[in-house]
Amino acid sequence: IKFRTFSRPTTSLNIVAGDDEDVLNKVLRVFEEQAGEDTKFDKIVKSKFPDALSNRDFATRVVKVLAEKGFSGSNTLLCTSLCCDELARRLEDDFNRVYGNNFNLGGLSGFPFAGNTGFGAMAAHIPDDGNCLVLYGPHVGISADGTVGKVEREGIELVDNCCGSAIAASNYLSGITDGGAPLSVKLQVFSDFQQNAVQELILPYGKRLKDAPDRMMELPYALYEVQDILMREIVDVGSSGIKKGFALIGGIQINTGPDTLDFFHPLRFDYMNSDGEILEDMLPLLADNEDFKLTVLEADNARIKAENALLREKVALLQAEEDKKASKQAETHKKINMLAEEVKRFTMLAEGDTNLRLSSAEDKKQTSPAAEGTNQKSSAKKAEKLRSEARAEADKKRIIKPREDPSLGRGEWW
């Protein structure tokens, strides 16, 4: 019998084990094999998303910036939270070919449905003394004629919706804000849990989407804001699992047809420590012009200060809770000690009363039989004396004087 043997590729910790190739060379080689830039189409995309970068420019700049922080193919775990749509895999695959296989947190529309548990599991897979890159955000399509929310797909003649989940959620919201449709909370329906969650999560953005000049343009930014809040909360909770370097990149994927490059609009690029604090805002390093870099830098410095202040406030609240718990514990111990003293005091009193009763009983037991006989004789004498005195008194009352009776002889009593 002949057995076939299979060589299994190394995917330890989801990184490229033993990879010492320069990451800049790797990322340049990745895009050599892909479609080149289409100047005409690039202008169409830029007219809709002025601050978007082609995947080529975006990935190259990110890899270059992170290389200066020590991120390499052998010490970096890639983690993504992108939509289930196969078009979202393009950007994921570009980074996979630099840093290795990714850990996936995302679901429909790119929401991080794996949550705190997923992030904790991912953090445990980061190489010792290694780094982690998290990439997240929703996606939107743009067709060859510049229609946002539509995209050409390989092998499909019909120009399709993109993102389908986001558009379905938008239609649900539109029915409520425009048509008076009732809220339909179906989070308990497991078979479509993620879509129901997406619809509920963007409810607060109903008026904003209704008033937007271009609903399909506004939709991915509304989705991003919700996802950014969720991702920051997840990172804050799981930051203790961060080992060395941690980069958080958020933005909007812009998917195009099969023969053109995709784009990405970066909205966050933070370098953080294990406490979840932002050490450096690196978003300006991805920008195309100096004016934009300065604007982004000023805005994000203010954001960093606000977020760090909020983080310190959370820490202070946690400390206050710990102090409160400690105070309650001290009060409880004090009450326990007081009760113990009361129990001790009552025990001593009870023992004293018992001893007194036992002593009295013992005294009674110790009375001799001779003493008891003497007491009885004394009592009998006293009783006899009283009886004698009573008889004497009665005799005195019965004495009758003698008198003569003619029928009796002299001297006889009557």
Protein backbone atom coordinates (compact mmCIF):
# COMPACT_ATOMS: atom_id res chain seq x y z
CA ILE A 1 0.00 0.00 0.00
CA LYS A 2 1.38 3.37 -0.98
CA PHE A 3 0.54 6.38 1.11
CA ARG A 4 0.58 9.86 -0.32
CA THR A 5 2.44 12.41 1.73
CA PHE A 6 1.49 16.06 1.81
CA SER A 7 3.73 18.97 2.67
CA ARG A 8 1.88 21.40 4.89
CA PRO A 9 2.77 25.09 4.58
CA THR A 10 3.88 26.80 7.76
CA THR A 11 1.17 29.08 9.11
CA SER A 12 2.35 29.25 12.70
CA LEU A 13 0.76 32.24 14.42
CA ASN A 14 -0.61 33.30 11.04
CA ILE A 15 2.66 34.98 10.08
CA VAL A 16 5.23 34.17 7.43
CA ALA A 17 7.52 32.05 9.59
CA GLY A 18 11.23 32.71 9.03
CA ASP A 19 10.50 35.45 6.49
CA ASP A 20 13.46 37.85 6.39
CA GLU A 21 12.75 39.45 3.02
CA ASP A 22 12.54 43.25 3.03
CA VAL A 23 8.85 44.15 3.26
CA LEU A 24 9.23 47.09 0.87
CA ASN A 25 10.52 44.79 -1.85
CA LYS A 26 7.65 42.41 -1.18
CA VAL A 27 4.93 45.04 -1.47
CA LEU A 28 6.38 46.41 -4.70
CA ARG A 29 6.48 42.91 -6.15
CA VAL A 30 2.83 42.35 -5.14
CA PHE A 31 1.62 45.18 -7.36
CA GLU A 32 3.87 44.35 -10.30
CA GLU A 33 1.53 41.43 -10.99
CA GLN A 34 -1.66 43.52 -10.82
CA ALA A 35 -3.37 45.89 -13.23
CA GLY A 36 -1.64 49.20 -13.80
CA GLU A 37 -3.09 52.59 -13.01
CA ASP A 38 -5.86 53.90 -15.26
CA THR A 39 -5.43 57.67 -15.28
CA LYS A 40 -8.91 58.38 -16.61
CA PHE A 41 -10.65 56.12 -14.11
CA ASP A 42 -8.44 57.35 -11.28
CA LYS A 43 -9.77 60.86 -11.90
CA ILE A 44 -13.34 59.57 -11.70
CA VAL A 45 -12.63 57.98 -8.33
CA LYS A 46 -10.82 61.08 -7.06
CA SER A 47 -13.77 63.26 -8.07
CA LYS A 48 -15.92 61.26 -5.65
CA PHE A 49 -13.31 60.46 -2.99
CA PRO A 50 -10.61 63.17 -3.14
CA ASP A 51 -8.52 61.73 -0.29
CA ALA A 52 -8.59 58.13 -1.47
CA LEU A 53 -5.39 56.27 -2.35
CA SER A 54 -5.05 53.40 -4.78
CA ASN A 55 -4.40 50.10 -3.05
CA ARG A 56 -0.91 50.26 -4.53
CA ASP A 57 -0.11 53.63 -2.93
CA PHE A 58 -1.95 52.85 0.29
CA ALA A 59 -0.30 49.47 0.96
CA THR A 60 3.15 50.72 -0.07
CA ARG A 61 2.99 53.71 2.29
CA VAL A 62 1.61 51.67 5.19
CA VAL A 63 4.30 49.00 4.84
CA LYS A 64 7.02 51.66 4.59
CA VAL A 65 5.83 53.52 7.70
CA LEU A 66 5.45 50.33 9.74
CA ALA A 67 8.85 49.01 8.62
CA GLU A 68 10.38 51.98 10.42
CA LYS A 69 8.56 50.77 13.56
CA GLY A 70 10.02 47.26 13.19
CA PHE A 71 7.03 45.54 11.55
CA SER A 72 8.17 42.69 9.31
CA GLY A 73 6.77 39.55 7.72
CA SER A 74 8.14 37.34 10.51
CA ASN A 75 7.04 39.32 13.58
CA THR A 76 3.69 40.83 12.55
CA LEU A 77 0.20 39.36 12.81
CA LEU A 78 -2.30 40.86 10.37
CA CYS A 79 -5.87 41.19 11.66
CA THR A 80 -8.75 42.42 9.52
CA SER A 81 -12.40 43.39 9.97
CA LEU A 82 -13.71 43.72 6.44
CA CYS A 83 -16.95 42.69 4.72
CA CYS A 84 -17.69 39.09 3.71
CA ASP A 85 -17.94 40.21 0.05
CA GLU A 86 -15.24 38.65 -2.13
CA LEU A 87 -14.29 42.12 -3.39
CA ALA A 88 -13.10 42.96 0.14
CA ARG A 89 -10.50 40.22 -0.18
CA ARG A 90 -8.45 42.25 -2.66
CA LEU A 91 -7.01 44.58 -0.03
CA GLU A 92 -6.75 41.73 2.46
CA ASP A 93 -4.80 39.63 -0.06
CA ASP A 94 -2.42 42.53 -0.80
CA PHE A 95 -1.43 42.67 2.88
CA ASN A 96 -1.46 38.86 3.23
CA ARG A 97 1.33 38.65 0.68
CA VAL A 98 3.43 40.96 2.85
CA TYR A 99 2.61 39.85 6.42
CA GLY A 100 1.10 36.38 5.96
CA ASN A 101 -2.33 34.97 6.74
CA ASN A 102 -4.75 37.22 8.59
CA PHE A 103 -6.99 36.74 11.63
CA ASN A 104 -10.53 37.72 10.64
CA LEU A 105 -12.81 39.72 12.98
CA GLY A 106 -15.26 40.98 10.37
CA GLY A 107 -18.69 40.11 9.06
CA LEU A 108 -21.35 41.80 6.95
CA SER A 109 -20.54 45.42 6.01
CA GLY A 110 -17.18 45.02 7.77
CA PHE A 111 -18.53 45.16 11.34
CA PRO A 112 -16.23 43.42 13.89
CA PHE A 113 -18.74 40.75 14.85
CA ALA A 114 -16.04 38.58 16.47
CA GLY A 115 -16.03 41.20 19.23
CA ASN A 116 -14.00 41.08 22.43
CA THR A 117 -13.67 37.29 22.37
CA GLY A 118 -12.31 37.30 18.83
CA PHE A 119 -9.88 40.11 19.59
CA GLY A 120 -8.64 38.30 22.70
CA ALA A 121 -8.04 35.12 20.70
CA MET A 122 -6.23 37.12 18.01
CA ALA A 123 -4.01 38.90 20.56
CA ALA A 124 -2.93 35.51 21.93
CA HIS A 125 -1.57 34.68 18.45
CA ILE A 126 0.71 37.71 18.22
CA PRO A 127 4.36 36.57 18.16
CA ASP A 128 6.30 37.02 21.39
CA ASP A 129 7.80 40.49 21.36
CA GLY A 130 5.97 40.96 18.04
CA ASN A 131 3.56 43.37 16.38
CA CYS A 132 -0.02 43.49 15.23
CA LEU A 133 -1.66 45.40 12.37
CA VAL A 134 -5.45 45.75 12.48
CA LEU A 135 -7.20 46.90 9.31
CA TYR A 136 -10.95 47.60 9.35
CA GLY A 137 -13.79 49.44 7.66
CA PRO A 138 -16.81 49.17 5.35
CA HIS A 139 -16.63 49.09 1.56
CA VAL A 140 -18.45 50.71 -1.34
CA GLY A 141 -18.37 50.09 -5.07
CA ILE A 142 -17.87 52.56 -7.88
CA SER A 143 -18.67 51.57 -11.45
CA ALA A 144 -16.77 52.53 -14.63
CA ASP A 145 -19.13 55.46 -15.21
CA GLY A 146 -18.63 56.78 -11.66
CA THR A 147 -21.85 55.50 -10.05
CA VAL A 148 -21.25 55.04 -6.32
CA GLY A 149 -22.86 51.92 -4.82
CA LYS A 150 -22.47 49.90 -8.05
CA VAL A 151 -19.59 47.79 -9.36
CA GLU A 152 -18.74 45.43 -12.21
CA ARG A 153 -17.97 41.88 -11.11
CA GLU A 154 -16.01 39.18 -12.89
CA GLY A 155 -18.26 36.93 -14.98
CA ILE A 156 -21.46 38.89 -14.25
CA GLU A 157 -22.95 41.04 -16.97
CA LEU A 158 -25.21 42.98 -14.62
CA VAL A 159 -23.63 45.88 -12.73
CA ASP A 160 -24.16 44.85 -9.11
CA ASN A 161 -24.79 46.61 -5.81
CA CYS A 162 -21.83 47.11 -3.49
CA CYS A 163 -22.08 46.86 -0.54
CA GLY A 164 -25.28 44.80 -0.69
CA SER A 165 -25.59 44.53 3.11
CA ALA A 166 -25.11 48.27 3.58
CA ILE A 167 -27.64 49.13 0.87
CA ALA A 168 -30.21 46.74 2.40
CA ALA A 169 -29.69 48.42 5.78
CA SER A 170 -30.05 51.85 4.13
CA ASN A 171 -33.34 50.80 2.51
CA TYR A 172 -34.61 49.54 5.87
CA LEU A 173 -33.72 52.87 7.44
CA SER A 174 -35.26 54.81 4.55
CA GLY A 175 -38.53 52.95 5.03
CA ILE A 176 -38.62 54.20 8.62
CA THR A 177 -37.62 57.82 8.00
CA ASP A 178 -39.53 58.32 4.74
CA GLY A 179 -42.36 55.81 4.65
CA GLY A 180 -43.26 55.42 8.31
CA ALA A 181 -42.35 51.74 8.37
CA PRO A 182 -42.23 50.28 11.91
CA LEU A 183 -39.02 49.30 13.65
CA SER A 184 -38.42 45.59 13.28
CA VAL A 185 -35.92 44.39 15.87
CA LYS A 186 -34.99 40.82 14.94
CA LEU A 187 -31.65 40.38 16.66
CA GLN A 188 -32.91 37.13 18.18
CA VAL A 189 -33.30 35.63 14.68
CA PHE A 190 -30.00 33.78 14.40
CA SER A 191 -30.35 32.92 10.71
CA ASP A 192 -29.93 36.61 9.77
CA PHE A 193 -28.41 38.00 12.93
CA GLN A 194 -25.61 40.01 11.33
CA GLN A 195 -27.82 41.87 8.86
CA ASN A 196 -30.35 42.70 11.59
CA ALA A 197 -27.48 44.00 13.73
CA VAL A 198 -26.18 46.21 10.88
CA GLN A 199 -29.66 47.70 10.46
CA GLU A 200 -30.02 48.44 14.17
CA LEU A 201 -26.53 49.89 14.48
CA ILE A 202 -27.10 52.59 11.83
CA LEU A 203 -30.52 53.67 13.12
CA PRO A 204 -29.06 56.85 14.71
CA TYR A 205 -27.88 57.96 11.24
CA GLY A 206 -31.36 58.01 9.66
CA LYS A 207 -31.72 61.80 9.47
CA ARG A 208 -28.13 62.28 8.32
CA LEU A 209 -28.61 59.85 5.43
CA LYS A 210 -31.99 61.33 4.55
CA ASP A 211 -30.54 64.86 4.34
CA ALA A 212 -27.37 63.84 2.45
CA PRO A 213 -27.02 65.16 -1.14
CA ASP A 214 -25.82 61.69 -2.21
CA ARG A 215 -27.06 58.91 0.05
CA MET A 216 -24.74 56.27 -1.43
CA MET A 217 -21.74 58.56 -0.86
CA GLU A 218 -22.73 59.24 2.75
CA LEU A 219 -23.61 55.65 3.64
CA PRO A 220 -20.08 54.19 3.93
CA TYR A 221 -18.97 57.11 6.12
CA ALA A 222 -21.93 56.57 8.46
CA LEU A 223 -21.06 52.88 8.65
CA TYR A 224 -17.42 53.71 9.31
CA GLU A 225 -18.27 55.95 12.26
CA VAL A 226 -20.21 53.14 13.95
CA GLN A 227 -17.45 50.61 13.24
CA ASP A 228 -14.77 52.99 14.49
CA ILE A 229 -16.58 53.35 17.83
CA LEU A 230 -16.98 49.59 18.15
CA MET A 231 -13.37 48.86 17.20
CA ARG A 232 -12.01 51.42 19.67
CA GLU A 233 -14.09 49.85 22.46
CA ILE A 234 -12.86 46.38 21.52
CA VAL A 235 -9.23 47.56 21.47
CA ASP A 236 -9.64 49.34 24.83
CA VAL A 237 -10.93 46.14 26.44
CA GLY A 238 -8.34 43.86 24.84
CA SER A 239 -5.31 46.16 24.86
CA SER A 240 -3.63 44.14 27.62
CA GLY A 241 -2.98 41.45 25.02
CA ILE A 242 -0.87 43.79 22.90
CA LYS A 243 2.78 42.74 23.14
CA LYS A 244 4.99 45.29 21.41
CA GLY A 245 3.81 47.37 18.47
CA PHE A 246 0.15 47.85 17.57
CA ALA A 247 -1.12 49.70 14.51
CA LEU A 248 -4.81 50.45 13.96
CA ILE A 249 -5.91 51.46 10.46
CA GLY A 250 -9.52 52.36 9.70
CA GLY A 251 -11.12 53.66 6.55
CA ILE A 252 -13.31 52.91 3.57
CA GLN A 253 -12.57 50.39 0.85
CA ILE A 254 -13.55 51.55 -2.64
CA ASN A 255 -14.01 48.56 -4.93
CA THR A 256 -13.79 48.87 -8.71
CA GLY A 257 -14.15 46.59 -11.71
CA PRO A 258 -11.90 43.61 -12.53
CA ASP A 259 -9.46 45.60 -14.69
CA THR A 260 -8.74 48.55 -12.40
CA LEU A 261 -7.07 49.06 -9.03
CA ASP A 262 -9.17 49.35 -5.89
CA PHE A 263 -8.86 52.36 -3.61
CA PHE A 264 -8.87 53.04 0.11
CA HIS A 265 -9.78 56.21 1.99
CA PRO A 266 -7.78 56.08 5.26
CA LEU A 267 -9.47 57.79 8.21
CA ARG A 268 -7.37 56.45 11.09
CA PHE A 269 -3.77 55.26 11.37
CA ASP A 270 -2.73 55.06 15.02
CA TYR A 271 0.34 53.56 16.63
CA MET A 272 -0.56 52.43 20.15
CA ASN A 273 0.93 50.92 23.28
CA SER A 274 -0.31 48.01 25.40
CA ASP A 275 -2.47 50.35 27.50
CA GLY A 276 -4.48 51.35 24.45
CA GLU A 277 -2.97 54.84 24.43
CA ILE A 278 -2.17 56.45 21.10
CA LEU A 279 1.56 57.11 20.92
CA GLU A 280 1.55 58.54 17.41
CA ASP A 281 -0.98 59.53 14.78
CA MET A 282 0.53 58.34 11.52
CA LEU A 283 -2.38 59.28 9.24
CA PRO A 284 -0.62 62.39 7.89
CA LEU A 285 2.20 60.15 6.66
CA LEU A 286 -0.20 58.67 4.11
CA ALA A 287 -1.41 61.97 2.67
CA ASP A 288 -0.55 63.26 -0.79
CA ASN A 289 -0.01 66.97 -0.07
CA GLU A 290 1.47 69.05 2.72
CA ASP A 291 -1.67 71.15 3.34
CA PHE A 292 -3.73 68.01 3.85
CA LYS A 293 -1.07 66.55 6.10
CA LEU A 294 -1.16 69.67 8.30
CA THR A 295 -4.97 69.72 8.45
CA VAL A 296 -5.18 66.06 9.33
CA LEU A 297 -2.39 66.37 11.88
CA GLU A 298 -4.11 69.24 13.72
CA ALA A 299 -7.49 67.50 13.71
CA ASP A 300 -6.08 64.19 14.83
CA ASN A 301 -3.92 65.71 17.56
CA ALA A 302 -7.12 67.15 19.03
CA ARG A 303 -8.79 63.75 18.63
CA ILE A 304 -5.89 61.98 20.32
CA LYS A 305 -6.02 64.37 23.29
CA ALA A 306 -9.76 63.85 23.63
CA GLU A 307 -9.49 60.06 23.37
CA ASN A 308 -6.60 59.91 25.85
CA ALA A 309 -8.54 62.15 28.24
CA LEU A 310 -11.51 59.79 27.91
CA LEU A 311 -9.23 56.82 28.54
CA ARG A 312 -7.81 58.47 31.68
CA GLU A 313 -11.36 59.18 32.81
CA LYS A 314 -12.25 55.51 32.36
CA VAL A 315 -9.17 54.52 34.37
CA ALA A 316 -10.17 56.99 37.11
CA LEU A 317 -13.70 55.55 37.19
CA LEU A 318 -12.33 52.02 37.45
CA GLN A 319 -10.03 53.11 40.27
CA ALA A 320 -12.95 54.77 42.04
CA GLU A 321 -14.93 51.53 41.72
CA GLU A 322 -12.00 49.58 43.18
CA ASP A 323 -11.72 52.08 46.05
CA LYS A 324 -15.46 51.78 46.68
CA LYS A 325 -15.21 47.99 46.77
CA ALA A 326 -12.25 48.20 49.16
CA SER A 327 -14.21 50.60 51.40
CA LYS A 328 -17.19 48.23 51.44
CA GLN A 329 -14.93 45.32 52.29
CA ALA A 330 -13.38 47.29 55.16
CA GLU A 331 -16.85 48.21 56.47
CA THR A 332 -17.94 44.57 56.22
CA HIS A 333 -14.87 43.42 58.16
CA LYS A 334 -15.61 46.06 60.81
CA LYS A 335 -19.19 44.83 61.20
CA ILE A 336 -18.00 41.22 61.40
CA ASN A 337 -15.54 42.16 64.17
CA MET A 338 -18.28 44.02 66.07
CA LEU A 339 -20.60 41.02 65.83
CA ALA A 340 -17.81 38.76 67.00
CA GLU A 341 -17.30 40.97 70.07
CA GLU A 342 -21.05 40.90 70.80
CA VAL A 343 -21.11 37.11 70.50
CA LYS A 344 -18.12 36.89 72.82
CA ARG A 345 -19.77 39.18 75.40
CA PHE A 346 -23.07 37.28 75.38
CA THR A 347 -21.19 33.99 75.62
CA MET A 348 -19.36 35.22 78.74
CA LEU A 349 -22.64 36.42 80.32
CA ALA A 350 -24.33 33.11 79.57
CA GLU A 351 -21.41 31.18 81.02
CA GLY A 352 -21.53 33.36 84.21
CA ASP A 353 -25.31 32.75 84.74
CA THR A 354 -24.86 29.04 84.22
CA ASN A 355 -22.06 28.92 86.80
CA LEU A 356 -24.23 30.80 89.32
CA ARG A 357 -27.09 28.34 88.92
CA LEU A 358 -24.79 25.39 89.13
CA SER A 359 -23.31 26.80 92.39
CA SER A 360 -26.77 27.23 93.97
CA ALA A 361 -27.77 23.74 93.02
CA GLU A 362 -24.54 22.39 94.38
CA ASP A 363 -25.14 24.17 97.75
CA LYS A 364 -28.52 22.51 98.03
CA LYS A 365 -27.04 19.14 97.29
CA GLN A 366 -24.41 19.65 99.99
CA THR A 367 -27.03 20.03 102.91
CA SER A 368 -26.45 17.05 105.43
CA PRO A 369 -29.21 14.56 106.54
CA ALA A 370 -28.50 15.36 110.24
CA ALA A 371 -29.15 19.03 109.63
CA GLU A 372 -32.37 18.16 107.87
CA GLY A 373 -33.49 16.00 110.91
CA THR A 374 -32.71 18.79 113.37
CA ASN A 375 -34.76 21.20 111.32
CA GLN A 376 -37.70 18.79 111.31
CA LYS A 377 -37.58 18.30 115.16
CA SER A 378 -37.44 22.03 115.70
CA SER A 379 -40.47 22.51 113.52
CA ALA A 380 -42.37 19.75 115.40
CA LYS A 381 -41.64 21.36 118.81
CA LYS A 382 -42.85 24.70 117.55
CA ALA A 383 -46.05 23.12 116.27
CA GLU A 384 -46.61 21.25 119.60
CA LYS A 385 -46.08 24.45 121.58
CA LEU A 386 -48.64 26.27 119.44
CA ARG A 387 -51.14 23.47 119.92
CA SER A 388 -50.61 23.52 123.73
CA GLU A 389 -51.14 27.24 123.89
CA ALA A 390 -54.31 26.85 121.85
CA ARG A 391 -55.71 24.17 124.24
CA ALA A 392 -54.93 26.26 127.29
CA GLU A 393 -56.75 29.19 125.81
CA ALA A 394 -59.74 26.96 125.05
CA ASP A 395 -59.79 25.57 128.62
CA LYS A 396 -59.95 29.03 130.05
CA LYS A 397 -63.04 29.73 128.06
CA ARG A 398 -64.76 26.49 129.26
CA ILE A 399 -64.50 27.09 133.08
CA ILE A 400 -68.09 27.18 134.71
CA LYS A 401 -68.71 28.63 138.20
CA PRO A 402 -70.46 26.24 140.74
CA ARG A 403 -74.00 27.01 141.89
CA GLU A 404 -76.45 25.30 144.03
CA ASP A 405 -79.26 23.33 142.57
CA PRO A 406 -82.05 22.34 144.86
CA SER A 407 -82.30 19.01 143.12
CA LEU A 408 -78.62 18.28 143.59
CA GLY A 409 -76.58 17.80 146.60
CA ARG A 410 -74.39 20.67 147.92
CA GLY A 411 -71.08 20.88 146.32
CA GLU A 412 -72.00 19.27 143.01
CA TRP A 413 -71.28 21.01 139.77
CA TRP A 414 -73.83 21.87 137.22
